C-alpha atoms as a PDB file:
ATOM      1  CA  UNK A   1      33.591  67.453 100.019  1.00  0.00           C
ATOM      2  CA  UNK A   2      37.096  67.395  99.417  1.00  0.00           C
ATOM      3  CA  UNK A   3      39.421  69.602  97.271  1.00  0.00           C
ATOM      4  CA  UNK A   4      40.363  66.813  94.854  1.00  0.00           C
ATOM      5  CA  UNK A   5      36.480  66.254  94.538  1.00  0.00           C
ATOM      6  CA  UNK A   6      35.870  69.639  93.615  1.00  0.00           C
ATOM      7  CA  UNK A   7      38.962  69.670  91.025  1.00  0.00           C
ATOM      8  CA  UNK A   8      37.649  66.402  89.305  1.00  0.00           C
ATOM      9  CA  UNK A   9      34.096  67.774  88.742  1.00  0.00           C
ATOM     10  CA  UNK A  10      35.123  70.009  85.767  1.00  0.00           C
ATOM     11  CA  UNK A  11      36.979  67.135  84.248  1.00  0.00           C
ATOM     12  CA  UNK A  12      34.082  64.754  84.629  1.00  0.00           C
ATOM     13  CA  UNK A  13      32.049  67.619  82.929  1.00  0.00           C
ATOM     14  CA  UNK A  14      34.419  67.851  79.697  1.00  0.00           C
ATOM     15  CA  UNK A  15      34.616  63.849  79.632  1.00  0.00           C
ATOM     16  CA  UNK A  16      30.818  63.713  79.483  1.00  0.00           C
ATOM     17  CA  UNK A  17      30.156  66.726  77.203  1.00  0.00           C
ATOM     18  CA  UNK A  18      32.117  65.209  74.317  1.00  0.00           C
ATOM     19  CA  UNK A  19      33.413  67.556  71.372  1.00  0.00           C
ATOM     20  CA  UNK A  20      31.958  70.754  70.775  1.00  0.00           C
ATOM     21  CA  UNK A  21      30.531  71.282  67.537  1.00  0.00           C
ATOM     22  CA  UNK A  22      32.316  74.604  65.839  1.00  0.00           C
ATOM     23  CA  UNK A  23      30.143  77.108  64.393  1.00  0.00           C
ATOM     24  CA  UNK A  24      29.869  77.272  60.658  1.00  0.00           C
ATOM     25  CA  UNK A  25      32.277  79.468  59.041  1.00  0.00           C
ATOM     26  CA  UNK A  26      30.189  82.628  57.551  1.00  0.00           C
ATOM     27  CA  UNK A  27      30.546  83.298  53.710  1.00  0.00           C
ATOM     28  CA  UNK A  28      33.217  85.446  52.599  1.00  0.00           C
ATOM     29  CA  UNK A  29      32.373  88.515  50.532  1.00  0.00           C
ATOM     30  CA  UNK A  30      33.209  86.574  47.150  1.00  0.00           C
ATOM     31  CA  UNK A  31      31.091  83.128  48.536  1.00  0.00           C
ATOM     32  CA  UNK A  32      27.416  82.882  48.632  1.00  0.00           C
ATOM     33  CA  UNK A  33      25.616  80.477  50.745  1.00  0.00           C
ATOM     34  CA  UNK A  34      24.754  77.316  49.225  1.00  0.00           C
ATOM     35  CA  UNK A  35      20.979  77.008  49.121  1.00  0.00           C
ATOM     36  CA  UNK A  36      19.388  73.148  48.974  1.00  0.00           C
ATOM     37  CA  UNK A  37      16.197  73.165  47.248  1.00  0.00           C
ATOM     38  CA  UNK A  38      13.411  71.599  49.618  1.00  0.00           C
ATOM     39  CA  UNK A  39      12.239  67.864  48.310  1.00  0.00           C
ATOM     40  CA  UNK A  40       8.324  69.411  48.641  1.00  0.00           C
ATOM     41  CA  UNK A  41       9.075  72.484  47.166  1.00  0.00           C
ATOM     42  CA  UNK A  42       6.714  73.072  44.256  1.00  0.00           C
ATOM     43  CA  UNK A  43       7.987  73.127  40.209  1.00  0.00           C
ATOM     44  CA  UNK A  44       7.178  75.878  38.268  1.00  0.00           C
ATOM     45  CA  UNK A  45       5.200  74.830  35.027  1.00  0.00           C
ATOM     46  CA  UNK A  46       7.027  74.762  31.892  1.00  0.00           C
ATOM     47  CA  UNK A  47       5.879  77.305  29.412  1.00  0.00           C
ATOM     48  CA  UNK A  48       5.663  75.861  25.608  1.00  0.00           C
ATOM     49  CA  UNK A  49       5.454  78.193  22.572  1.00  0.00           C
ATOM     50  CA  UNK A  50       1.863  78.745  21.251  1.00  0.00           C
ATOM     51  CA  UNK A  51       0.629  76.255  18.448  1.00  0.00           C
ATOM     52  CA  UNK A  52       0.390  79.117  16.020  1.00  0.00           C
ATOM     53  CA  UNK A  53       4.015  79.709  16.229  1.00  0.00           C
ATOM     54  CA  UNK A  54       5.050  76.800  14.256  1.00  0.00           C
ATOM     55  CA  UNK A  55       2.787  78.172  11.153  1.00  0.00           C
ATOM     56  CA  UNK A  56       4.397  81.776  11.642  1.00  0.00           C
ATOM     57  CA  UNK A  57       8.094  80.452  11.702  1.00  0.00           C
ATOM     58  CA  UNK A  58       7.424  78.331   8.675  1.00  0.00           C
ATOM     59  CA  UNK A  59       5.724  81.534   6.599  1.00  0.00           C
ATOM     60  CA  UNK A  60       9.051  83.668   7.738  1.00  0.00           C
ATOM     61  CA  UNK A  61      11.460  81.095   6.750  1.00  0.00           C
ATOM     62  CA  UNK A  62       9.864  80.047   3.654  1.00  0.00           C
ATOM     63  CA  UNK A  63       9.543  83.833   2.795  1.00  0.00           C
ATOM     64  CA  UNK A  64      13.367  84.333   3.324  1.00  0.00           C
ATOM     65  CA  UNK A  65      14.457  81.518   1.358  1.00  0.00           C
ATOM     66  CA  UNK A  66      12.141  82.217  -1.466  1.00  0.00           C
ATOM     67  CA  UNK A  67      13.452  85.631  -1.767  1.00  0.00           C
ATOM     68  CA  UNK A  68      16.489  85.216  -1.541  1.00  0.00           C
ATOM     69  CA  UNK A  69      16.514  82.554  -4.000  1.00  0.00           C
ATOM     70  CA  UNK A  70      15.021  85.104  -6.564  1.00  0.00           C
ATOM     71  CA  UNK A  71      17.866  87.641  -5.665  1.00  0.00           C
ATOM     72  CA  UNK A  72      20.588  85.214  -6.151  1.00  0.00           C
ATOM     73  CA  UNK A  73      19.190  83.326  -9.431  1.00  0.00           C
ATOM     74  CA  UNK A  74      20.265  84.743 -12.396  1.00  0.00           C
ATOM     75  CA  UNK A  75      17.446  86.202 -14.425  1.00  0.00           C
ATOM     76  CA  UNK A  76      16.181  84.484 -17.460  1.00  0.00           C
ATOM     77  CA  UNK A  77      15.006  86.183 -21.070  1.00  0.00           C
ATOM     78  CA  UNK A  78      12.734  84.495 -23.443  1.00  0.00           C
ATOM     79  CA  UNK A  79      12.370  85.299 -27.313  1.00  0.00           C
ATOM     80  CA  UNK A  80      10.056  83.777 -29.564  1.00  0.00           C
ATOM     81  CA  UNK A  81      10.131  83.138 -33.624  1.00  0.00           C
ATOM     82  CA  UNK A  82       7.454  81.765 -36.077  1.00  0.00           C
ATOM     83  CA  UNK A  83       7.479  80.010 -39.256  1.00  0.00           C
ATOM     84  CA  UNK A  84       4.440  78.923 -41.371  1.00  0.00           C
ATOM     85  CA  UNK A  85       4.023  75.932 -43.685  1.00  0.00           C
ATOM     86  CA  UNK A  86       2.729  76.972 -46.896  1.00  0.00           C
ATOM     87  CA  UNK A  87       1.344  74.348 -49.399  1.00  0.00           C
ATOM     88  CA  UNK A  88       2.614  74.221 -53.220  1.00  0.00           C
ATOM     89  CA  UNK A  89       0.145  73.672 -56.352  1.00  0.00           C
ATOM     90  CA  UNK A  90       0.374  70.308 -55.740  1.00  0.00           C
ATOM     91  CA  UNK A  91      -0.552  69.970 -52.190  1.00  0.00           C
ATOM     92  CA  UNK A  92      -3.429  71.301 -49.898  1.00  0.00           C
ATOM     93  CA  UNK A  93      -4.116  72.899 -46.794  1.00  0.00           C
ATOM     94  CA  UNK A  94      -4.727  69.878 -44.853  1.00  0.00           C
ATOM     95  CA  UNK A  95      -1.146  68.466 -45.924  1.00  0.00           C
ATOM     96  CA  UNK A  96       0.418  71.480 -44.884  1.00  0.00           C
ATOM     97  CA  UNK A  97      -0.795  71.153 -41.085  1.00  0.00           C
ATOM     98  CA  UNK A  98       0.310  67.739 -41.009  1.00  0.00           C
ATOM     99  CA  UNK A  99       3.754  68.608 -42.235  1.00  0.00           C
ATOM    100  CA  UNK A 100       3.690  71.297 -40.046  1.00  0.00           C
ATOM    101  CA  UNK A 101       3.260  68.893 -36.980  1.00  0.00           C
ATOM    102  CA  UNK A 102       6.011  66.804 -38.232  1.00  0.00           C
ATOM    103  CA  UNK A 103       8.768  69.842 -38.629  1.00  0.00           C
ATOM    104  CA  UNK A 104       7.677  70.956 -34.960  1.00  0.00           C
ATOM    105  CA  UNK A 105       9.019  67.383 -33.809  1.00  0.00           C
ATOM    106  CA  UNK A 106      12.304  67.761 -35.893  1.00  0.00           C
ATOM    107  CA  UNK A 107      12.881  71.321 -35.069  1.00  0.00           C
ATOM    108  CA  UNK A 108      15.375  70.725 -31.886  1.00  0.00           C
ATOM    109  CA  UNK A 109      16.912  67.654 -33.325  1.00  0.00           C
ATOM    110  CA  UNK A 110      20.487  67.339 -33.909  1.00  0.00           C
ATOM    111  CA  UNK A 111      20.276  67.807 -38.207  1.00  0.00           C
ATOM    112  CA  UNK A 112      18.640  71.187 -37.526  1.00  0.00           C
ATOM    113  CA  UNK A 113      20.671  72.428 -34.588  1.00  0.00           C
ATOM    114  CA  UNK A 114      23.865  71.802 -36.252  1.00  0.00           C
ATOM    115  CA  UNK A 115      22.932  74.364 -38.872  1.00  0.00           C
ATOM    116  CA  UNK A 116      22.114  77.010 -36.085  1.00  0.00           C
ATOM    117  CA  UNK A 117      24.905  76.794 -34.008  1.00  0.00           C
ATOM    118  CA  UNK A 118      27.159  79.039 -36.165  1.00  0.00           C
ATOM    119  CA  UNK A 119      24.536  81.594 -36.810  1.00  0.00           C
ATOM    120  CA  UNK A 120      23.683  81.570 -32.945  1.00  0.00           C
ATOM    121  CA  UNK A 121      27.055  81.448 -31.694  1.00  0.00           C
ATOM    122  CA  UNK A 122      26.304  78.768 -29.396  1.00  0.00           C
ATOM    123  CA  UNK A 123      27.109  75.067 -29.061  1.00  0.00           C
ATOM    124  CA  UNK A 124      24.559  72.701 -29.941  1.00  0.00           C
ATOM    125  CA  UNK A 125      24.246  71.530 -26.355  1.00  0.00           C
ATOM    126  CA  UNK A 126      23.195  74.930 -25.662  1.00  0.00           C
ATOM    127  CA  UNK A 127      20.673  75.237 -28.463  1.00  0.00           C
ATOM    128  CA  UNK A 128      19.117  71.815 -27.219  1.00  0.00           C
ATOM    129  CA  UNK A 129      18.602  72.712 -23.676  1.00  0.00           C
ATOM    130  CA  UNK A 130      17.707  76.441 -24.627  1.00  0.00           C
ATOM    131  CA  UNK A 131      15.145  76.378 -27.626  1.00  0.00           C
ATOM    132  CA  UNK A 132      11.849  74.268 -27.421  1.00  0.00           C
ATOM    133  CA  UNK A 133       9.514  73.862 -30.574  1.00  0.00           C
ATOM    134  CA  UNK A 134       5.613  74.098 -30.247  1.00  0.00           C
ATOM    135  CA  UNK A 135       2.866  73.547 -32.913  1.00  0.00           C
ATOM    136  CA  UNK A 136      -0.821  74.592 -33.317  1.00  0.00           C
ATOM    137  CA  UNK A 137      -3.593  71.933 -33.961  1.00  0.00           C
ATOM    138  CA  UNK A 138      -5.435  74.460 -35.896  1.00  0.00           C
ATOM    139  CA  UNK A 139      -2.925  76.530 -37.581  1.00  0.00           C
ATOM    140  CA  UNK A 140       0.308  75.026 -39.804  1.00  0.00           C
ATOM    141  CA  UNK A 141       2.589  76.760 -37.766  1.00  0.00           C
ATOM    142  CA  UNK A 142       5.804  76.086 -35.662  1.00  0.00           C
ATOM    143  CA  UNK A 143       6.885  78.643 -32.966  1.00  0.00           C
ATOM    144  CA  UNK A 144      10.561  78.332 -32.047  1.00  0.00           C
ATOM    145  CA  UNK A 145      11.182  79.717 -28.313  1.00  0.00           C
ATOM    146  CA  UNK A 146      14.780  80.443 -26.853  1.00  0.00           C
ATOM    147  CA  UNK A 147      15.700  80.872 -23.335  1.00  0.00           C
ATOM    148  CA  UNK A 148      19.189  82.643 -22.237  1.00  0.00           C
ATOM    149  CA  UNK A 149      20.806  84.939 -19.395  1.00  0.00           C
ATOM    150  CA  UNK A 150      21.247  87.264 -21.993  1.00  0.00           C
ATOM    151  CA  UNK A 151      18.363  88.831 -23.840  1.00  0.00           C
ATOM    152  CA  UNK A 152      20.198  89.345 -27.554  1.00  0.00           C
ATOM    153  CA  UNK A 153      21.207  86.221 -27.317  1.00  0.00           C
ATOM    154  CA  UNK A 154      18.134  84.652 -26.562  1.00  0.00           C
ATOM    155  CA  UNK A 155      16.516  86.370 -29.741  1.00  0.00           C
ATOM    156  CA  UNK A 156      19.745  85.213 -31.873  1.00  0.00           C
ATOM    157  CA  UNK A 157      19.161  81.490 -31.026  1.00  0.00           C
ATOM    158  CA  UNK A 158      15.202  81.576 -31.639  1.00  0.00           C
ATOM    159  CA  UNK A 159      15.892  82.937 -35.058  1.00  0.00           C
ATOM    160  CA  UNK A 160      19.172  80.680 -35.853  1.00  0.00           C
ATOM    161  CA  UNK A 161      16.831  77.627 -35.326  1.00  0.00           C
ATOM    162  CA  UNK A 162      14.041  79.225 -37.502  1.00  0.00           C
ATOM    163  CA  UNK A 163      16.326  79.697 -40.124  1.00  0.00           C
ATOM    164  CA  UNK A 164      18.263  76.435 -40.166  1.00  0.00           C
ATOM    165  CA  UNK A 165      14.483  74.416 -39.956  1.00  0.00           C
ATOM    166  CA  UNK A 166      13.443  76.635 -43.157  1.00  0.00           C
ATOM    167  CA  UNK A 167      16.674  75.360 -44.925  1.00  0.00           C
ATOM    168  CA  UNK A 168      15.983  71.835 -43.817  1.00  0.00           C
ATOM    169  CA  UNK A 169      12.323  71.872 -45.384  1.00  0.00           C
ATOM    170  CA  UNK A 170      13.418  73.284 -48.460  1.00  0.00           C
ATOM    171  CA  UNK A 171      15.849  70.348 -49.267  1.00  0.00           C
ATOM    172  CA  UNK A 172      12.663  68.062 -48.802  1.00  0.00           C
ATOM    173  CA  UNK A 173      10.242  70.392 -50.394  1.00  0.00           C
ATOM    174  CA  UNK A 174      10.400  68.293 -53.903  1.00  0.00           C
ATOM    175  CA  UNK A 175       8.915  65.343 -52.268  1.00  0.00           C
ATOM    176  CA  UNK A 176       6.550  67.205 -49.591  1.00  0.00           C
ATOM    177  CA  UNK A 177       4.979  70.043 -51.664  1.00  0.00           C
ATOM    178  CA  UNK A 178       5.214  71.913 -48.464  1.00  0.00           C
ATOM    179  CA  UNK A 179       7.589  75.227 -48.012  1.00  0.00           C
ATOM    180  CA  UNK A 180       8.303  76.732 -44.523  1.00  0.00           C
ATOM    181  CA  UNK A 181       8.554  80.548 -44.704  1.00  0.00           C
ATOM    182  CA  UNK A 182       9.656  82.943 -41.501  1.00  0.00           C
ATOM    183  CA  UNK A 183       6.367  84.264 -40.222  1.00  0.00           C
ATOM    184  CA  UNK A 184       7.967  86.239 -37.531  1.00  0.00           C
ATOM    185  CA  UNK A 185      11.488  87.008 -36.294  1.00  0.00           C
ATOM    186  CA  UNK A 186      12.161  86.932 -32.540  1.00  0.00           C
ATOM    187  CA  UNK A 187      13.171  90.421 -30.764  1.00  0.00           C
ATOM    188  CA  UNK A 188      14.724  91.158 -28.210  1.00  0.00           C
ATOM    189  CA  UNK A 189      12.784  90.761 -24.676  1.00  0.00           C
ATOM    190  CA  UNK A 190      12.911  93.936 -22.569  1.00  0.00           C
ATOM    191  CA  UNK A 191      11.887  92.260 -19.469  1.00  0.00           C
ATOM    192  CA  UNK A 192      12.794  89.010 -17.759  1.00  0.00           C
ATOM    193  CA  UNK A 193      10.716  85.925 -18.053  1.00  0.00           C
ATOM    194  CA  UNK A 194      11.739  84.131 -14.700  1.00  0.00           C
ATOM    195  CA  UNK A 195      10.172  85.155 -11.546  1.00  0.00           C
ATOM    196  CA  UNK A 196      11.300  88.244  -9.918  1.00  0.00           C
ATOM    197  CA  UNK A 197      12.491  87.932  -5.927  1.00  0.00           C
ATOM    198  CA  UNK A 198       8.665  89.297  -4.591  1.00  0.00           C
ATOM    199  CA  UNK A 199       7.287  86.654  -6.392  1.00  0.00           C
ATOM    200  CA  UNK A 200       9.546  83.635  -5.502  1.00  0.00           C
ATOM    201  CA  UNK A 201       9.385  85.135  -1.690  1.00  0.00           C
ATOM    202  CA  UNK A 202       5.376  84.787  -1.999  1.00  0.00           C
ATOM    203  CA  UNK A 203       5.904  81.143  -3.302  1.00  0.00           C
ATOM    204  CA  UNK A 204       8.118  80.347  -0.348  1.00  0.00           C
ATOM    205  CA  UNK A 205       6.122  81.788   2.282  1.00  0.00           C
ATOM    206  CA  UNK A 206       3.106  80.125   1.039  1.00  0.00           C
ATOM    207  CA  UNK A 207       5.280  76.835   0.981  1.00  0.00           C
ATOM    208  CA  UNK A 208       6.407  77.406   4.379  1.00  0.00           C
ATOM    209  CA  UNK A 209       2.812  77.982   6.151  1.00  0.00           C
ATOM    210  CA  UNK A 210       1.678  74.982   4.560  1.00  0.00           C
ATOM    211  CA  UNK A 211       4.754  73.099   6.181  1.00  0.00           C
ATOM    212  CA  UNK A 212       4.209  74.790   9.501  1.00  0.00           C
ATOM    213  CA  UNK A 213       0.638  74.139   9.157  1.00  0.00           C
ATOM    214  CA  UNK A 214       1.168  70.277   8.944  1.00  0.00           C
ATOM    215  CA  UNK A 215       3.833  70.189  11.592  1.00  0.00           C
ATOM    216  CA  UNK A 216       0.998  71.391  13.842  1.00  0.00           C
ATOM    217  CA  UNK A 217      -1.112  68.565  12.973  1.00  0.00           C
ATOM    218  CA  UNK A 218       1.660  66.268  13.867  1.00  0.00           C
ATOM    219  CA  UNK A 219       2.984  67.798  16.775  1.00  0.00           C
ATOM    220  CA  UNK A 220       2.442  65.889  19.892  1.00  0.00           C
ATOM    221  CA  UNK A 221      -0.419  66.639  22.318  1.00  0.00           C
ATOM    222  CA  UNK A 222      -0.127  67.722  26.116  1.00  0.00           C
ATOM    223  CA  UNK A 223      -1.763  65.041  28.262  1.00  0.00           C
ATOM    224  CA  UNK A 224      -4.351  66.142  30.870  1.00  0.00           C
ATOM    225  CA  UNK A 225      -1.742  65.057  33.903  1.00  0.00           C
ATOM    226  CA  UNK A 226       0.720  67.700  31.996  1.00  0.00           C
ATOM    227  CA  UNK A 227      -1.938  70.124  32.073  1.00  0.00           C
ATOM    228  CA  UNK A 228      -2.880  69.563  35.662  1.00  0.00           C
ATOM    229  CA  UNK A 229       0.277  71.662  37.202  1.00  0.00           C
ATOM    230  CA  UNK A 230      -0.248  72.726  40.709  1.00  0.00           C
ATOM    231  CA  UNK A 231       0.079  76.069  41.728  1.00  0.00           C
ATOM    232  CA  UNK A 232       3.145  77.679  43.450  1.00  0.00           C
ATOM    233  CA  UNK A 233       3.090  76.409  47.263  1.00  0.00           C
ATOM    234  CA  UNK A 234       0.221  73.978  46.902  1.00  0.00           C
ATOM    235  CA  UNK A 235       0.523  70.456  48.422  1.00  0.00           C
ATOM    236  CA  UNK A 236       1.222  67.502  46.057  1.00  0.00           C
ATOM    237  CA  UNK A 237      -1.955  66.228  47.092  1.00  0.00           C
ATOM    238  CA  UNK A 238      -3.762  68.919  45.663  1.00  0.00           C
ATOM    239  CA  UNK A 239      -2.235  68.270  42.301  1.00  0.00           C
ATOM    240  CA  UNK A 240      -3.128  64.044  42.586  1.00  0.00           C
ATOM    241  CA  UNK A 241      -6.584  65.237  43.104  1.00  0.00           C
ATOM    242  CA  UNK A 242      -6.722  67.333  40.168  1.00  0.00           C
ATOM    243  CA  UNK A 243      -6.124  64.409  37.845  1.00  0.00           C
END
């Protein structure tokens, strides 16, 4: 073997071997190695909330909304006055009962409320929305109930309308032979008639629980295929066998 043959052997090996692959750089202190997820790696089952969570969420949300409404709402006070229809010598009790029903219908009309607005100190629109009249089928009596955010104003409104209705009945007393007399004056209420915050909170909780129960009924059901989730590490063939 000649010297030229020996010298060409390393060159030939260099040509046949090709380029050498450089080793992958080591991750630095601030870099993390990228991990590739295997295609056959099992997926963890998705955890779903229990069915009763909708009911609990509805009760809690409804209670909070109802309690907040009761706290923010302005309290309302209610006062009631009564007038009674009395027949004269030319009439009878049956006629007084019939006219009491008629006066109950006109108690909240404009002709009566215009005469009561000055005494009550509120406009006619407030009297129309805040005063209601009720009658009894057995007694010739008319009750006038007023509602206002202020207790003294509620009593003043009820008494003003009852006085205006009595004066209105006096102008027609010669033809009806029935008089209206004041039976009981309205007094200042000591407590609010509107629902308190605990009551509105309880009502809201009941309503929220009902909505939560309805949501439980209409929620989509999980299919058997979704329930058959393979355990971690189990092959895909085992999951197909469970279906």
